[in-house]
Amino acid sequence: METAGYTTLTRQTGLLNEMQVIANNIANASTTGYRQEGLIFSEYVTGGENAPSVSMARTSAHIISMQQGALTQTGGTYDFAIEGPGFFMIETAEGERLTRAGSFSTSAEGTLVTPDGNRVLDAGGAPLFVPPDAAGFSVSADGTISADGRPLGQLGLVQPVDPLDLVRESGVMFRAEGDLEPVENGKIVQGFLENANVEPVLQITRMIEVQRAYELGQSFLDAENDRVREALRAMSRQ
């Protein structure tokens, strides 16, 4: 295969990866707390002193959108939304994870948990305990949890120091590969949930663009394949 073919193949691979990311965004447009994802492409250029340079593109990283999603009022006592930056910190079997999906409940032991039963952590990384007989449960804007007029703890809001360190593990759960830092200007709202920050119209438009670009690349590869086959046939007749 000639250089043009290899270059087109790397382009096709990147477009296919982007198509999968876009499709996942669209599929989760109604998922509470979902963060839209995108791809970062990098260019690899090579060439000798007396040879023409060759440029190839590849997907180098996934980037998670930090754009604010719309808030929907639920009135749920243990439903929380974040206005501004930050993520809730969750304890899982694989370690601490981050999420914007704040639909919580209390376990039989009285700890605040996610729908999957993972414990929600406070600002110090410890589980939050809510007494079973607690009345007047409320959460202030800074995440301080109170019941019966007494503070019980504070929901921890954190974010990765480098946004590119955020890696999606499943749906609305993320892993931070680098350091985390506390969030100072995030606001927690009780009785609300944050919608996905996906813009479906823009995503569908981009999907059409990617599909057309992929089809164009496939047409080039098909034409190149036909050209090579014809050249081989001509050589075999000589």
C-alpha atoms as a PDB file:
ATOM      1  CA  MET A   1       0.000   0.000   0.000  1.00  0.00           C
ATOM      2  CA  GLU A   2       1.293   3.455  -0.899  1.00  0.00           C
ATOM      3  CA  THR A   3       1.627   6.399   1.488  1.00  0.00           C
ATOM      4  CA  ALA A   4      -1.716   7.886   0.446  1.00  0.00           C
ATOM      5  CA  GLY A   5      -3.458   4.663   1.402  1.00  0.00           C
ATOM      6  CA  TYR A   6      -1.869   4.520   4.857  1.00  0.00           C
ATOM      7  CA  THR A   7      -2.695   8.168   5.460  1.00  0.00           C
ATOM      8  CA  THR A   8      -6.326   7.590   4.507  1.00  0.00           C
ATOM      9  CA  LEU A   9      -6.534   4.518   6.757  1.00  0.00           C
ATOM     10  CA  THR A  10      -5.367   6.503   9.797  1.00  0.00           C
ATOM     11  CA  ARG A  11      -7.959   9.142   8.950  1.00  0.00           C
ATOM     12  CA  GLN A  12     -10.677   6.492   8.648  1.00  0.00           C
ATOM     13  CA  THR A  13      -9.751   5.011  12.010  1.00  0.00           C
ATOM     14  CA  GLY A  14     -10.012   8.410  13.683  1.00  0.00           C
ATOM     15  CA  LEU A  15     -13.368   9.125  12.041  1.00  0.00           C
ATOM     16  CA  LEU A  16     -14.708   5.746  13.159  1.00  0.00           C
ATOM     17  CA  ASN A  17     -13.618   6.436  16.750  1.00  0.00           C
ATOM     18  CA  GLU A  18     -15.284   9.847  16.626  1.00  0.00           C
ATOM     19  CA  MET A  19     -18.488   8.310  15.255  1.00  0.00           C
ATOM     20  CA  GLN A  20     -18.613   5.916  18.208  1.00  0.00           C
ATOM     21  CA  VAL A  21     -18.115   8.769  20.687  1.00  0.00           C
ATOM     22  CA  ILE A  22     -20.848  10.870  19.043  1.00  0.00           C
ATOM     23  CA  ALA A  23     -23.264   7.920  19.006  1.00  0.00           C
ATOM     24  CA  ASN A  24     -22.648   7.376  22.731  1.00  0.00           C
ATOM     25  CA  ASN A  25     -23.291  11.065  23.430  1.00  0.00           C
ATOM     26  CA  ILE A  26     -26.602  10.985  21.557  1.00  0.00           C
ATOM     27  CA  ALA A  27     -27.672   7.757  23.271  1.00  0.00           C
ATOM     28  CA  ASN A  28     -27.109   9.392  26.688  1.00  0.00           C
ATOM     29  CA  ALA A  29     -28.717  12.754  25.921  1.00  0.00           C
ATOM     30  CA  SER A  30     -31.380  12.052  28.566  1.00  0.00           C
ATOM     31  CA  THR A  31     -29.090  10.412  31.169  1.00  0.00           C
ATOM     32  CA  THR A  32     -28.892  12.359  34.430  1.00  0.00           C
ATOM     33  CA  GLY A  33     -25.431  13.768  35.062  1.00  0.00           C
ATOM     34  CA  TYR A  34     -23.959  12.567  31.764  1.00  0.00           C
ATOM     35  CA  ARG A  35     -20.958  14.554  30.465  1.00  0.00           C
ATOM     36  CA  GLN A  36     -20.567  14.976  26.712  1.00  0.00           C
ATOM     37  CA  GLU A  37     -17.322  13.554  25.362  1.00  0.00           C
ATOM     38  CA  GLY A  38     -15.110  14.566  22.452  1.00  0.00           C
ATOM     39  CA  LEU A  39     -11.842  13.552  20.828  1.00  0.00           C
ATOM     40  CA  ILE A  40      -8.560  15.383  20.472  1.00  0.00           C
ATOM     41  CA  PHE A  41      -6.679  14.620  17.260  1.00  0.00           C
ATOM     42  CA  SER A  42      -2.926  14.943  16.865  1.00  0.00           C
ATOM     43  CA  GLU A  43      -0.832  15.027  13.716  1.00  0.00           C
ATOM     44  CA  TYR A  44       2.195  12.836  13.150  1.00  0.00           C
ATOM     45  CA  VAL A  45       4.589  14.138  10.505  1.00  0.00           C
ATOM     46  CA  THR A  46       7.581  12.221   9.201  1.00  0.00           C
ATOM     47  CA  GLY A  47       9.963  12.663   6.331  1.00  0.00           C
ATOM     48  CA  GLY A  48      13.621  12.403   5.379  1.00  0.00           C
ATOM     49  CA  GLU A  49      16.030  15.117   4.333  1.00  0.00           C
ATOM     50  CA  ASN A  50      15.457  14.476   0.633  1.00  0.00           C
ATOM     51  CA  ALA A  51      12.029  12.854   0.914  1.00  0.00           C
ATOM     52  CA  PRO A  52       8.588  14.479   1.029  1.00  0.00           C
ATOM     53  CA  SER A  53       6.956  14.668   4.441  1.00  0.00           C
ATOM     54  CA  VAL A  54       4.037  12.427   5.324  1.00  0.00           C
ATOM     55  CA  SER A  55       1.281  13.599   7.669  1.00  0.00           C
ATOM     56  CA  MET A  56      -0.948  11.182   9.555  1.00  0.00           C
ATOM     57  CA  ALA A  57      -3.651  11.950  12.123  1.00  0.00           C
ATOM     58  CA  ARG A  58      -4.596   9.909  15.149  1.00  0.00           C
ATOM     59  CA  THR A  59      -6.860  10.281  18.171  1.00  0.00           C
ATOM     60  CA  SER A  60      -4.612  11.158  21.087  1.00  0.00           C
ATOM     61  CA  ALA A  61      -7.076  11.803  23.929  1.00  0.00           C
ATOM     62  CA  HIS A  62     -10.700  11.901  25.010  1.00  0.00           C
ATOM     63  CA  ILE A  63     -11.922  15.155  26.523  1.00  0.00           C
ATOM     64  CA  ILE A  64     -14.926  15.485  28.824  1.00  0.00           C
ATOM     65  CA  SER A  65     -17.102  18.592  28.457  1.00  0.00           C
ATOM     66  CA  MET A  66     -17.347  20.656  31.639  1.00  0.00           C
ATOM     67  CA  GLN A  67     -20.288  22.674  30.339  1.00  0.00           C
ATOM     68  CA  GLN A  68     -23.131  23.099  32.818  1.00  0.00           C
ATOM     69  CA  GLY A  69     -26.209  20.954  32.188  1.00  0.00           C
ATOM     70  CA  ALA A  70     -29.749  22.206  32.800  1.00  0.00           C
ATOM     71  CA  LEU A  71     -31.239  21.503  36.227  1.00  0.00           C
ATOM     72  CA  THR A  72     -34.534  19.713  36.718  1.00  0.00           C
ATOM     73  CA  GLN A  73     -36.471  20.088  39.975  1.00  0.00           C
ATOM     74  CA  THR A  74     -37.448  16.746  41.513  1.00  0.00           C
ATOM     75  CA  GLY A  75     -38.189  17.702  45.113  1.00  0.00           C
ATOM     76  CA  GLY A  76     -36.311  14.591  46.242  1.00  0.00           C
ATOM     77  CA  THR A  77     -34.722  14.879  49.679  1.00  0.00           C
ATOM     78  CA  TYR A  78     -31.566  13.104  48.544  1.00  0.00           C
ATOM     79  CA  ASP A  79     -31.406  14.529  45.021  1.00  0.00           C
ATOM     80  CA  PHE A  80     -28.529  16.969  44.554  1.00  0.00           C
ATOM     81  CA  ALA A  81     -27.294  18.971  41.581  1.00  0.00           C
ATOM     82  CA  ILE A  82     -24.060  20.909  41.179  1.00  0.00           C
ATOM     83  CA  GLU A  83     -24.088  24.447  39.820  1.00  0.00           C
ATOM     84  CA  GLY A  84     -20.637  25.299  38.561  1.00  0.00           C
ATOM     85  CA  PRO A  85     -17.533  23.120  38.532  1.00  0.00           C
ATOM     86  CA  GLY A  86     -16.865  19.991  40.535  1.00  0.00           C
ATOM     87  CA  PHE A  87     -17.860  16.371  41.009  1.00  0.00           C
ATOM     88  CA  PHE A  88     -19.257  14.306  43.844  1.00  0.00           C
ATOM     89  CA  MET A  89     -16.729  11.816  45.219  1.00  0.00           C
ATOM     90  CA  ILE A  90     -17.888   8.183  45.366  1.00  0.00           C
ATOM     91  CA  GLU A  91     -16.347   5.125  47.023  1.00  0.00           C
ATOM     92  CA  THR A  92     -16.362   2.036  44.777  1.00  0.00           C
ATOM     93  CA  ALA A  93     -14.728  -1.383  44.900  1.00  0.00           C
ATOM     94  CA  GLU A  94     -12.145  -0.086  42.387  1.00  0.00           C
ATOM     95  CA  GLY A  95     -11.354   3.058  44.364  1.00  0.00           C
ATOM     96  CA  GLU A  96     -12.637   6.622  44.529  1.00  0.00           C
ATOM     97  CA  ARG A  97     -14.616   7.791  41.505  1.00  0.00           C
ATOM     98  CA  LEU A  98     -16.255  11.065  40.427  1.00  0.00           C
ATOM     99  CA  THR A  99     -19.773  11.777  39.184  1.00  0.00           C
ATOM    100  CA  ARG A 100     -22.210  14.624  38.514  1.00  0.00           C
ATOM    101  CA  ALA A 101     -25.231  12.345  38.929  1.00  0.00           C
ATOM    102  CA  GLY A 102     -26.604  13.277  42.357  1.00  0.00           C
ATOM    103  CA  SER A 103     -29.567  10.924  42.725  1.00  0.00           C
ATOM    104  CA  PHE A 104     -28.728   9.413  46.114  1.00  0.00           C
ATOM    105  CA  SER A 105     -30.527   7.549  48.887  1.00  0.00           C
ATOM    106  CA  THR A 106     -29.718   6.112  52.311  1.00  0.00           C
ATOM    107  CA  SER A 107     -28.672   2.522  52.882  1.00  0.00           C
ATOM    108  CA  ALA A 108     -29.908   0.215  55.627  1.00  0.00           C
ATOM    109  CA  GLU A 109     -26.873   1.281  57.666  1.00  0.00           C
ATOM    110  CA  GLY A 110     -27.772   4.958  57.220  1.00  0.00           C
ATOM    111  CA  THR A 111     -24.997   5.943  54.817  1.00  0.00           C
ATOM    112  CA  LEU A 112     -25.629   8.101  51.760  1.00  0.00           C
ATOM    113  CA  VAL A 113     -25.269   5.918  48.662  1.00  0.00           C
ATOM    114  CA  THR A 114     -25.669   5.973  44.882  1.00  0.00           C
ATOM    115  CA  PRO A 115     -28.308   3.824  43.091  1.00  0.00           C
ATOM    116  CA  ASP A 116     -25.580   1.150  42.754  1.00  0.00           C
ATOM    117  CA  GLY A 117     -24.997   1.104  46.504  1.00  0.00           C
ATOM    118  CA  ASN A 118     -21.640   2.934  46.401  1.00  0.00           C
ATOM    119  CA  ARG A 119     -21.066   5.251  49.329  1.00  0.00           C
ATOM    120  CA  VAL A 120     -20.959   9.020  48.845  1.00  0.00           C
ATOM    121  CA  LEU A 121     -17.919  10.628  50.478  1.00  0.00           C
ATOM    122  CA  ASP A 122     -17.517  13.856  52.404  1.00  0.00           C
ATOM    123  CA  ALA A 123     -14.863  16.532  51.900  1.00  0.00           C
ATOM    124  CA  GLY A 124     -12.369  14.425  53.865  1.00  0.00           C
ATOM    125  CA  GLY A 125     -13.031  11.221  51.947  1.00  0.00           C
ATOM    126  CA  ALA A 126     -15.176   9.544  54.611  1.00  0.00           C
ATOM    127  CA  PRO A 127     -18.710   8.107  54.157  1.00  0.00           C
ATOM    128  CA  LEU A 128     -21.639  10.323  55.109  1.00  0.00           C
ATOM    129  CA  PHE A 129     -23.957   8.950  57.787  1.00  0.00           C
ATOM    130  CA  VAL A 130     -27.599  10.027  58.113  1.00  0.00           C
ATOM    131  CA  PRO A 131     -29.395   8.864  61.297  1.00  0.00           C
ATOM    132  CA  PRO A 132     -32.517   6.821  60.424  1.00  0.00           C
ATOM    133  CA  ASP A 133     -34.683   8.967  62.703  1.00  0.00           C
ATOM    134  CA  ALA A 134     -33.258  12.266  61.440  1.00  0.00           C
ATOM    135  CA  ALA A 135     -35.830  14.952  60.661  1.00  0.00           C
ATOM    136  CA  GLY A 136     -35.538  18.196  58.737  1.00  0.00           C
ATOM    137  CA  PHE A 137     -32.755  16.870  56.498  1.00  0.00           C
ATOM    138  CA  SER A 138     -31.231  19.680  54.429  1.00  0.00           C
ATOM    139  CA  VAL A 139     -28.116  20.537  52.438  1.00  0.00           C
ATOM    140  CA  SER A 140     -26.713  24.051  52.144  1.00  0.00           C
ATOM    141  CA  ALA A 141     -25.052  25.508  49.053  1.00  0.00           C
ATOM    142  CA  ASP A 142     -21.560  24.621  50.333  1.00  0.00           C
ATOM    143  CA  GLY A 143     -22.595  20.969  50.763  1.00  0.00           C
ATOM    144  CA  THR A 144     -23.073  21.009  54.553  1.00  0.00           C
ATOM    145  CA  ILE A 145     -25.615  18.330  55.535  1.00  0.00           C
ATOM    146  CA  SER A 146     -27.842  19.013  58.523  1.00  0.00           C
ATOM    147  CA  ALA A 147     -30.627  17.181  60.319  1.00  0.00           C
ATOM    148  CA  ASP A 148     -32.589  18.280  63.374  1.00  0.00           C
ATOM    149  CA  GLY A 149     -30.633  21.532  63.166  1.00  0.00           C
ATOM    150  CA  ARG A 150     -27.305  19.747  63.650  1.00  0.00           C
ATOM    151  CA  PRO A 151     -24.570  19.491  60.969  1.00  0.00           C
ATOM    152  CA  LEU A 152     -23.775  15.898  60.000  1.00  0.00           C
ATOM    153  CA  GLY A 153     -20.993  16.442  57.493  1.00  0.00           C
ATOM    154  CA  GLN A 154     -20.208  18.074  54.185  1.00  0.00           C
ATOM    155  CA  LEU A 155     -20.526  16.679  50.687  1.00  0.00           C
ATOM    156  CA  GLY A 156     -17.126  16.728  49.016  1.00  0.00           C
ATOM    157  CA  LEU A 157     -16.786  18.581  45.709  1.00  0.00           C
ATOM    158  CA  VAL A 158     -13.554  17.937  43.832  1.00  0.00           C
ATOM    159  CA  GLN A 159     -12.182  18.233  40.311  1.00  0.00           C
ATOM    160  CA  PRO A 160      -9.042  17.019  38.511  1.00  0.00           C
ATOM    161  CA  VAL A 161      -6.192  19.518  38.370  1.00  0.00           C
ATOM    162  CA  ASP A 162      -5.856  18.694  34.663  1.00  0.00           C
ATOM    163  CA  PRO A 163      -9.227  18.167  32.903  1.00  0.00           C
ATOM    164  CA  LEU A 164      -7.559  15.713  30.496  1.00  0.00           C
ATOM    165  CA  ASP A 165      -6.909  13.388  33.459  1.00  0.00           C
ATOM    166  CA  LEU A 166     -10.635  12.599  33.610  1.00  0.00           C
ATOM    167  CA  VAL A 167     -11.396   9.146  32.179  1.00  0.00           C
ATOM    168  CA  ARG A 168     -14.913   7.785  31.731  1.00  0.00           C
ATOM    169  CA  GLU A 169     -15.350   4.334  33.249  1.00  0.00           C
ATOM    170  CA  SER A 170     -19.071   3.823  32.793  1.00  0.00           C
ATOM    171  CA  GLY A 171     -21.919   6.135  31.887  1.00  0.00           C
ATOM    172  CA  VAL A 172     -21.732   8.847  34.539  1.00  0.00           C
ATOM    173  CA  MET A 173     -18.766   7.576  36.562  1.00  0.00           C
ATOM    174  CA  PHE A 174     -15.217   8.871  36.042  1.00  0.00           C
ATOM    175  CA  ARG A 175     -11.708   8.076  37.183  1.00  0.00           C
ATOM    176  CA  ALA A 176      -9.096  10.796  37.692  1.00  0.00           C
ATOM    177  CA  GLU A 177      -5.637   9.661  36.606  1.00  0.00           C
ATOM    178  CA  GLY A 178      -3.955  12.711  38.140  1.00  0.00           C
ATOM    179  CA  ASP A 179      -4.319  14.792  41.275  1.00  0.00           C
ATOM    180  CA  LEU A 180      -7.623  16.143  42.563  1.00  0.00           C
ATOM    181  CA  GLU A 181      -8.285  19.536  44.096  1.00  0.00           C
ATOM    182  CA  PRO A 182     -11.216  20.834  46.168  1.00  0.00           C
ATOM    183  CA  VAL A 183     -13.740  23.066  44.433  1.00  0.00           C
ATOM    184  CA  GLU A 184     -14.272  26.457  46.005  1.00  0.00           C
ATOM    185  CA  ASN A 185     -16.935  27.980  43.738  1.00  0.00           C
ATOM    186  CA  GLY A 186     -19.265  25.030  43.211  1.00  0.00           C
ATOM    187  CA  LYS A 187     -22.814  25.236  44.558  1.00  0.00           C
ATOM    188  CA  ILE A 188     -24.966  22.266  45.599  1.00  0.00           C
ATOM    189  CA  VAL A 189     -28.734  22.515  45.109  1.00  0.00           C
ATOM    190  CA  GLN A 190     -31.031  20.129  46.970  1.00  0.00           C
ATOM    191  CA  GLY A 191     -34.135  18.722  45.281  1.00  0.00           C
ATOM    192  CA  PHE A 192     -32.696  19.087  41.772  1.00  0.00           C
ATOM    193  CA  LEU A 193     -30.819  16.855  39.312  1.00  0.00           C
ATOM    194  CA  GLU A 194     -28.543  17.941  36.502  1.00  0.00           C
ATOM    195  CA  ASN A 195     -29.468  16.854  32.993  1.00  0.00           C
ATOM    196  CA  ALA A 196     -26.913  15.640  30.467  1.00  0.00           C
ATOM    197  CA  ASN A 197     -24.947  18.499  28.911  1.00  0.00           C
ATOM    198  CA  VAL A 198     -25.284  16.946  25.436  1.00  0.00           C
ATOM    199  CA  GLU A 199     -26.520  19.176  22.609  1.00  0.00           C
ATOM    200  CA  PRO A 200     -28.321  16.608  20.401  1.00  0.00           C
ATOM    201  CA  VAL A 201     -28.755  18.851  17.344  1.00  0.00           C
ATOM    202  CA  LEU A 202     -25.057  19.710  17.221  1.00  0.00           C
ATOM    203  CA  GLN A 203     -24.102  16.101  17.801  1.00  0.00           C
ATOM    204  CA  ILE A 204     -26.349  14.852  14.988  1.00  0.00           C
ATOM    205  CA  THR A 205     -24.948  17.530  12.675  1.00  0.00           C
ATOM    206  CA  ARG A 206     -21.419  16.449  13.515  1.00  0.00           C
ATOM    207  CA  MET A 207     -22.377  12.799  12.991  1.00  0.00           C
ATOM    208  CA  ILE A 208     -23.529  13.608   9.446  1.00  0.00           C
ATOM    209  CA  GLU A 209     -20.259  15.439   8.754  1.00  0.00           C
ATOM    210  CA  VAL A 210     -18.184  12.531  10.060  1.00  0.00           C
ATOM    211  CA  GLN A 211     -20.218  10.006   8.080  1.00  0.00           C
ATOM    212  CA  ARG A 212     -19.738  11.942   4.837  1.00  0.00           C
ATOM    213  CA  ALA A 213     -16.023  12.311   5.477  1.00  0.00           C
ATOM    214  CA  TYR A 214     -15.770   8.572   6.165  1.00  0.00           C
ATOM    215  CA  GLU A 215     -17.637   7.723   2.965  1.00  0.00           C
ATOM    216  CA  LEU A 216     -15.327  10.014   0.997  1.00  0.00           C
ATOM    217  CA  GLY A 217     -12.292   8.273   2.441  1.00  0.00           C
ATOM    218  CA  GLN A 218     -13.792   4.866   1.681  1.00  0.00           C
ATOM    219  CA  SER A 219     -14.389   5.935  -1.934  1.00  0.00           C
ATOM    220  CA  PHE A 220     -10.731   6.896  -2.220  1.00  0.00           C
ATOM    221  CA  LEU A 221      -9.599   3.536  -0.820  1.00  0.00           C
ATOM    222  CA  ASP A 222     -11.910   1.667  -3.198  1.00  0.00           C
ATOM    223  CA  ALA A 223     -10.568   3.655  -6.157  1.00  0.00           C
ATOM    224  CA  GLU A 224      -6.994   3.056  -5.035  1.00  0.00           C
ATOM    225  CA  ASN A 225      -7.683  -0.657  -4.683  1.00  0.00           C
ATOM    226  CA  ASP A 226      -9.136  -0.778  -8.219  1.00  0.00           C
ATOM    227  CA  ARG A 227      -6.102   1.087  -9.566  1.00  0.00           C
ATOM    228  CA  VAL A 228      -3.670  -1.380  -7.987  1.00  0.00           C
ATOM    229  CA  ARG A 229      -5.671  -4.383  -9.230  1.00  0.00           C
ATOM    230  CA  GLU A 230      -5.687  -3.012 -12.775  1.00  0.00           C
ATOM    231  CA  ALA A 231      -1.952  -2.388 -12.612  1.00  0.00           C
ATOM    232  CA  LEU A 232      -1.343  -5.963 -11.477  1.00  0.00           C
ATOM    233  CA  ARG A 233      -3.543  -7.343 -14.249  1.00  0.00           C
ATOM    234  CA  ALA A 234      -1.655  -5.275 -16.839  1.00  0.00           C
ATOM    235  CA  MET A 235       1.678  -6.506 -15.530  1.00  0.00           C
ATOM    236  CA  SER A 236       0.524 -10.140 -15.591  1.00  0.00           C
ATOM    237  CA  ARG A 237      -0.446  -9.873 -19.278  1.00  0.00           C
ATOM    238  CA  GLN A 238       3.014  -8.745 -20.297  1.00  0.00           C
END
